[in-house]
């Protein structure tokens, strides 16, 4: 099990600095609150920038991010909290970014089955900014540590976000 507590991610005997939501953690996540949802989750799949990252052999389904990929954050859309392709007329976050934070995106199974409108979207484990500044609700670690972690864990490994 992976434990995330404040600014530390722990797996087995390894401890990594991480970033969480800029507004902390919550049991009552809502869209746009800047909080990371407390609870136990699985990683469902991994998206990556094939032009920037060479992923090692990992046990997760993987998809190369194309420049038209996005993730819908529009609470009124039938595509809410789903992968979309631009052009897209509703609000969505671009996955193909100029910075590196989405070079590897691990989709956490938060609010996916079923998807509940306004409960939060695009909750990922991804690459942290250099200063480990707060996220919009995701968990983020360094690229090197994310690659290392993905090599050690499996699709059955729980991510437990606690206070």
C-alpha atoms as a PDB file:
ATOM      1  CA  UNK A   1       0.000   0.000   0.000  1.00  0.00           C
ATOM      2  CA  UNK A   2       1.115   3.532  -0.810  1.00  0.00           C
ATOM      3  CA  UNK A   3       0.506   6.039   1.991  1.00  0.00           C
ATOM      4  CA  UNK A   4       0.158   9.758   1.277  1.00  0.00           C
ATOM      5  CA  UNK A   5       0.227  11.976   4.349  1.00  0.00           C
ATOM      6  CA  UNK A   6       0.655  15.733   3.943  1.00  0.00           C
ATOM      7  CA  UNK A   7       3.827  16.197   1.831  1.00  0.00           C
ATOM      8  CA  UNK A   8       5.151  12.635   2.030  1.00  0.00           C
ATOM      9  CA  UNK A   9       4.407   9.564  -0.068  1.00  0.00           C
ATOM     10  CA  UNK A  10       5.545   6.263   1.467  1.00  0.00           C
ATOM     11  CA  UNK A  11       5.788   2.875  -0.205  1.00  0.00           C
ATOM     12  CA  UNK A  12       7.362  -0.022   1.704  1.00  0.00           C
ATOM     13  CA  UNK A  13      10.612   1.387   3.118  1.00  0.00           C
ATOM     14  CA  UNK A  14      10.841   4.282   0.644  1.00  0.00           C
ATOM     15  CA  UNK A  15       9.715   7.803   1.434  1.00  0.00           C
ATOM     16  CA  UNK A  16       9.299  10.513  -1.216  1.00  0.00           C
ATOM     17  CA  UNK A  17       8.533  14.213  -1.012  1.00  0.00           C
ATOM     18  CA  UNK A  18       5.187  14.946  -2.638  1.00  0.00           C
ATOM     19  CA  UNK A  19       2.724  17.728  -3.270  1.00  0.00           C
ATOM     20  CA  UNK A  20      -0.986  17.527  -2.536  1.00  0.00           C
ATOM     21  CA  UNK A  21      -3.878  19.901  -3.129  1.00  0.00           C
ATOM     22  CA  UNK A  22      -3.094  23.557  -2.438  1.00  0.00           C
ATOM     23  CA  UNK A  23      -6.086  23.587  -0.042  1.00  0.00           C
ATOM     24  CA  UNK A  24      -5.081  20.357   1.756  1.00  0.00           C
ATOM     25  CA  UNK A  25      -7.181  17.208   1.971  1.00  0.00           C
ATOM     26  CA  UNK A  26     -10.891  16.622   2.402  1.00  0.00           C
ATOM     27  CA  UNK A  27     -13.537  13.929   2.762  1.00  0.00           C
ATOM     28  CA  UNK A  28     -16.008  16.176   0.899  1.00  0.00           C
ATOM     29  CA  UNK A  29     -14.255  16.953  -2.387  1.00  0.00           C
ATOM     30  CA  UNK A  30     -16.013  19.288  -4.817  1.00  0.00           C
ATOM     31  CA  UNK A  31     -14.932  20.491  -8.245  1.00  0.00           C
ATOM     32  CA  UNK A  32     -12.429  23.344  -8.062  1.00  0.00           C
ATOM     33  CA  UNK A  33     -11.837  23.315  -4.289  1.00  0.00           C
ATOM     34  CA  UNK A  34      -8.095  22.614  -4.620  1.00  0.00           C
ATOM     35  CA  UNK A  35      -8.312  19.697  -2.168  1.00  0.00           C
ATOM     36  CA  UNK A  36      -6.988  16.167  -2.472  1.00  0.00           C
ATOM     37  CA  UNK A  37      -9.668  13.578  -1.634  1.00  0.00           C
ATOM     38  CA  UNK A  38      -8.990  11.393   1.404  1.00  0.00           C
ATOM     39  CA  UNK A  39      -9.479   7.656   0.918  1.00  0.00           C
ATOM     40  CA  UNK A  40      -8.131   4.490  -0.694  1.00  0.00           C
ATOM     41  CA  UNK A  41      -7.796   4.336  -4.462  1.00  0.00           C
ATOM     42  CA  UNK A  42      -6.269   2.231  -7.208  1.00  0.00           C
ATOM     43  CA  UNK A  43      -4.324   3.462 -10.217  1.00  0.00           C
ATOM     44  CA  UNK A  44      -6.354   2.537 -13.288  1.00  0.00           C
ATOM     45  CA  UNK A  45      -4.056   3.512 -16.155  1.00  0.00           C
ATOM     46  CA  UNK A  46      -1.023   5.586 -17.026  1.00  0.00           C
ATOM     47  CA  UNK A  47      -0.825   8.278 -19.691  1.00  0.00           C
ATOM     48  CA  UNK A  48       2.589   9.524 -20.766  1.00  0.00           C
ATOM     49  CA  UNK A  49       4.345  11.827 -23.216  1.00  0.00           C
ATOM     50  CA  UNK A  50       6.173   9.409 -25.520  1.00  0.00           C
ATOM     51  CA  UNK A  51       8.169  12.315 -26.956  1.00  0.00           C
ATOM     52  CA  UNK A  52       9.594  13.114 -23.489  1.00  0.00           C
ATOM     53  CA  UNK A  53       9.476   9.940 -21.360  1.00  0.00           C
ATOM     54  CA  UNK A  54      10.616   6.363 -21.830  1.00  0.00           C
ATOM     55  CA  UNK A  55       8.402   4.366 -19.501  1.00  0.00           C
ATOM     56  CA  UNK A  56       9.899   1.151 -18.150  1.00  0.00           C
ATOM     57  CA  UNK A  57       7.948  -2.094 -18.216  1.00  0.00           C
ATOM     58  CA  UNK A  58       5.049  -1.530 -15.812  1.00  0.00           C
ATOM     59  CA  UNK A  59       1.925  -3.529 -14.974  1.00  0.00           C
ATOM     60  CA  UNK A  60      -0.556  -0.787 -15.864  1.00  0.00           C
ATOM     61  CA  UNK A  61      -2.378  -0.116 -19.112  1.00  0.00           C
ATOM     62  CA  UNK A  62      -0.533   2.768 -20.800  1.00  0.00           C
ATOM     63  CA  UNK A  63      -1.544   5.334 -23.403  1.00  0.00           C
ATOM     64  CA  UNK A  64       0.685   7.860 -25.130  1.00  0.00           C
ATOM     65  CA  UNK A  65      -0.712  11.383 -24.731  1.00  0.00           C
ATOM     66  CA  UNK A  66      -1.598  12.992 -28.042  1.00  0.00           C
ATOM     67  CA  UNK A  67      -1.617  16.761 -28.466  1.00  0.00           C
ATOM     68  CA  UNK A  68      -5.429  16.846 -28.632  1.00  0.00           C
ATOM     69  CA  UNK A  69      -6.006  14.955 -25.340  1.00  0.00           C
ATOM     70  CA  UNK A  70      -7.856  16.592 -22.466  1.00  0.00           C
ATOM     71  CA  UNK A  71      -9.824  15.701 -19.341  1.00  0.00           C
ATOM     72  CA  UNK A  72     -13.314  17.149 -18.946  1.00  0.00           C
ATOM     73  CA  UNK A  73     -13.883  19.250 -15.803  1.00  0.00           C
ATOM     74  CA  UNK A  74     -17.237  20.726 -16.853  1.00  0.00           C
ATOM     75  CA  UNK A  75     -19.804  19.643 -14.246  1.00  0.00           C
ATOM     76  CA  UNK A  76     -22.630  20.052 -16.786  1.00  0.00           C
ATOM     77  CA  UNK A  77     -21.030  17.853 -19.439  1.00  0.00           C
ATOM     78  CA  UNK A  78     -21.931  14.232 -20.092  1.00  0.00           C
ATOM     79  CA  UNK A  79     -18.154  13.733 -20.502  1.00  0.00           C
ATOM     80  CA  UNK A  80     -17.407  15.020 -16.958  1.00  0.00           C
ATOM     81  CA  UNK A  81     -14.312  13.393 -15.439  1.00  0.00           C
ATOM     82  CA  UNK A  82     -13.468  11.559 -18.668  1.00  0.00           C
ATOM     83  CA  UNK A  83     -10.727  11.678 -21.278  1.00  0.00           C
ATOM     84  CA  UNK A  84     -11.761  13.892 -24.203  1.00  0.00           C
ATOM     85  CA  UNK A  85     -10.215  15.059 -27.455  1.00  0.00           C
ATOM     86  CA  UNK A  86      -9.990  18.677 -28.553  1.00  0.00           C
ATOM     87  CA  UNK A  87     -11.640  20.490 -30.177  1.00  0.00           C
ATOM     88  CA  UNK A  88     -14.153  20.202 -27.329  1.00  0.00           C
ATOM     89  CA  UNK A  89     -16.784  22.854 -26.700  1.00  0.00           C
ATOM     90  CA  UNK A  90     -17.053  22.346 -22.935  1.00  0.00           C
ATOM     91  CA  UNK A  91     -14.428  23.007 -20.240  1.00  0.00           C
ATOM     92  CA  UNK A  92     -11.522  20.556 -20.143  1.00  0.00           C
ATOM     93  CA  UNK A  93      -7.952  20.462 -18.910  1.00  0.00           C
ATOM     94  CA  UNK A  94      -5.259  20.027 -21.568  1.00  0.00           C
ATOM     95  CA  UNK A  95      -3.094  16.930 -20.981  1.00  0.00           C
ATOM     96  CA  UNK A  96      -0.448  17.762 -23.605  1.00  0.00           C
ATOM     97  CA  UNK A  97       1.284  20.617 -21.765  1.00  0.00           C
ATOM     98  CA  UNK A  98       4.356  22.745 -22.318  1.00  0.00           C
ATOM     99  CA  UNK A  99       5.548  22.123 -18.734  1.00  0.00           C
ATOM    100  CA  UNK A 100       6.442  18.606 -17.620  1.00  0.00           C
ATOM    101  CA  UNK A 101       3.916  17.932 -14.846  1.00  0.00           C
ATOM    102  CA  UNK A 102       1.713  15.799 -17.105  1.00  0.00           C
ATOM    103  CA  UNK A 103       4.548  13.925 -18.823  1.00  0.00           C
ATOM    104  CA  UNK A 104       3.346  10.970 -16.701  1.00  0.00           C
ATOM    105  CA  UNK A 105      -0.250  10.859 -15.446  1.00  0.00           C
ATOM    106  CA  UNK A 106      -1.529   8.003 -13.298  1.00  0.00           C
ATOM    107  CA  UNK A 107      -5.334   8.037 -13.298  1.00  0.00           C
ATOM    108  CA  UNK A 108      -6.607   7.418  -9.767  1.00  0.00           C
ATOM    109  CA  UNK A 109     -10.020   5.747  -9.534  1.00  0.00           C
ATOM    110  CA  UNK A 110     -11.509   8.680  -7.638  1.00  0.00           C
ATOM    111  CA  UNK A 111     -15.056   9.563  -8.786  1.00  0.00           C
ATOM    112  CA  UNK A 112     -14.939   7.189 -11.736  1.00  0.00           C
ATOM    113  CA  UNK A 113     -17.449   4.451 -10.935  1.00  0.00           C
ATOM    114  CA  UNK A 114     -19.955   5.971 -10.789  1.00  0.00           C
ATOM    115  CA  UNK A 115     -19.024   9.491 -11.836  1.00  0.00           C
ATOM    116  CA  UNK A 116     -20.869  12.016  -9.666  1.00  0.00           C
ATOM    117  CA  UNK A 117     -21.166  15.549 -11.058  1.00  0.00           C
ATOM    118  CA  UNK A 118     -19.251  18.216  -9.072  1.00  0.00           C
ATOM    119  CA  UNK A 119     -17.465  15.643  -6.862  1.00  0.00           C
ATOM    120  CA  UNK A 120     -14.093  16.409  -8.491  1.00  0.00           C
ATOM    121  CA  UNK A 121     -12.366  15.481 -11.723  1.00  0.00           C
ATOM    122  CA  UNK A 122      -8.884  14.754 -13.044  1.00  0.00           C
ATOM    123  CA  UNK A 123      -7.490  13.414  -9.781  1.00  0.00           C
ATOM    124  CA  UNK A 124      -4.103  12.048 -10.795  1.00  0.00           C
ATOM    125  CA  UNK A 125      -0.726  11.010  -9.466  1.00  0.00           C
ATOM    126  CA  UNK A 126       1.628  13.039 -11.653  1.00  0.00           C
ATOM    127  CA  UNK A 127       4.975  14.835 -11.756  1.00  0.00           C
ATOM    128  CA  UNK A 128       5.506  17.584  -9.184  1.00  0.00           C
ATOM    129  CA  UNK A 129       6.643  21.092  -9.991  1.00  0.00           C
ATOM    130  CA  UNK A 130      10.250  21.780  -9.012  1.00  0.00           C
ATOM    131  CA  UNK A 131       9.112  23.663  -5.891  1.00  0.00           C
ATOM    132  CA  UNK A 132       6.502  21.007  -4.936  1.00  0.00           C
ATOM    133  CA  UNK A 133       3.820  23.703  -4.883  1.00  0.00           C
ATOM    134  CA  UNK A 134       0.244  22.615  -4.203  1.00  0.00           C
ATOM    135  CA  UNK A 135      -1.850  20.959  -6.906  1.00  0.00           C
ATOM    136  CA  UNK A 136      -5.505  21.393  -7.878  1.00  0.00           C
ATOM    137  CA  UNK A 137      -6.252  18.162  -5.956  1.00  0.00           C
ATOM    138  CA  UNK A 138      -3.757  15.657  -7.335  1.00  0.00           C
ATOM    139  CA  UNK A 139      -0.776  13.980  -5.677  1.00  0.00           C
ATOM    140  CA  UNK A 140       2.564  14.792  -7.320  1.00  0.00           C
ATOM    141  CA  UNK A 141       6.133  13.487  -6.925  1.00  0.00           C
ATOM    142  CA  UNK A 142       9.335  13.916  -8.916  1.00  0.00           C
ATOM    143  CA  UNK A 143       9.566  12.247 -12.323  1.00  0.00           C
ATOM    144  CA  UNK A 144      12.446  10.045 -11.172  1.00  0.00           C
ATOM    145  CA  UNK A 145      10.495   8.870  -8.125  1.00  0.00           C
ATOM    146  CA  UNK A 146       7.272   8.367 -10.097  1.00  0.00           C
ATOM    147  CA  UNK A 147       9.076   6.102 -12.577  1.00  0.00           C
ATOM    148  CA  UNK A 148      10.674   4.197  -9.669  1.00  0.00           C
ATOM    149  CA  UNK A 149       7.310   3.827  -7.927  1.00  0.00           C
ATOM    150  CA  UNK A 150       5.571   2.581 -11.083  1.00  0.00           C
ATOM    151  CA  UNK A 151       8.220  -0.132 -11.454  1.00  0.00           C
ATOM    152  CA  UNK A 152       7.595  -1.329  -7.862  1.00  0.00           C
ATOM    153  CA  UNK A 153       3.792  -1.317  -7.675  1.00  0.00           C
ATOM    154  CA  UNK A 154       1.039  -3.229  -9.450  1.00  0.00           C
ATOM    155  CA  UNK A 155      -2.554  -2.607 -10.475  1.00  0.00           C
ATOM    156  CA  UNK A 156      -3.599  -4.042  -7.080  1.00  0.00           C
ATOM    157  CA  UNK A 157      -1.523  -1.560  -5.040  1.00  0.00           C
ATOM    158  CA  UNK A 158      -3.767   0.813  -3.082  1.00  0.00           C
ATOM    159  CA  UNK A 159      -3.034   4.497  -2.761  1.00  0.00           C
ATOM    160  CA  UNK A 160      -4.193   5.558   0.714  1.00  0.00           C
ATOM    161  CA  UNK A 161      -4.500   9.330   1.183  1.00  0.00           C
ATOM    162  CA  UNK A 162      -4.738  10.131   4.901  1.00  0.00           C
ATOM    163  CA  UNK A 163      -4.464  13.159   7.217  1.00  0.00           C
END
